Amino acid sequence: MATRIITKSVAALQRASWVIPGWVWFVLLWGVGVSGAMLVGALFKVFMNVTLFAVSK
C-alpha cells in the first residue's frame, strides 16, 4: 500500500485560510481612495482659507 505524503507546509495552509475575495479588495481600495481624496480636499480647503486670510490683511 502506498503512503501518502503531504507536501504543503503549515505556513502555506495558514496563508490559504486568509485569502480575501476580490470584491473585498475592490471595496477596500475604493474606500481608501475616496477617503484620501476627501482628506486632500479638506487640506486644500484649509490652506486656501489660510492663504486668503493672509492676503486679505
Foldseek 3Di string as FASTA:
>chain_A
DDDDDDDDDPVNVVVVVPDDDPVVVVVVVVVVVVVVVVVVVVVVVVVVVVVVVVVVD
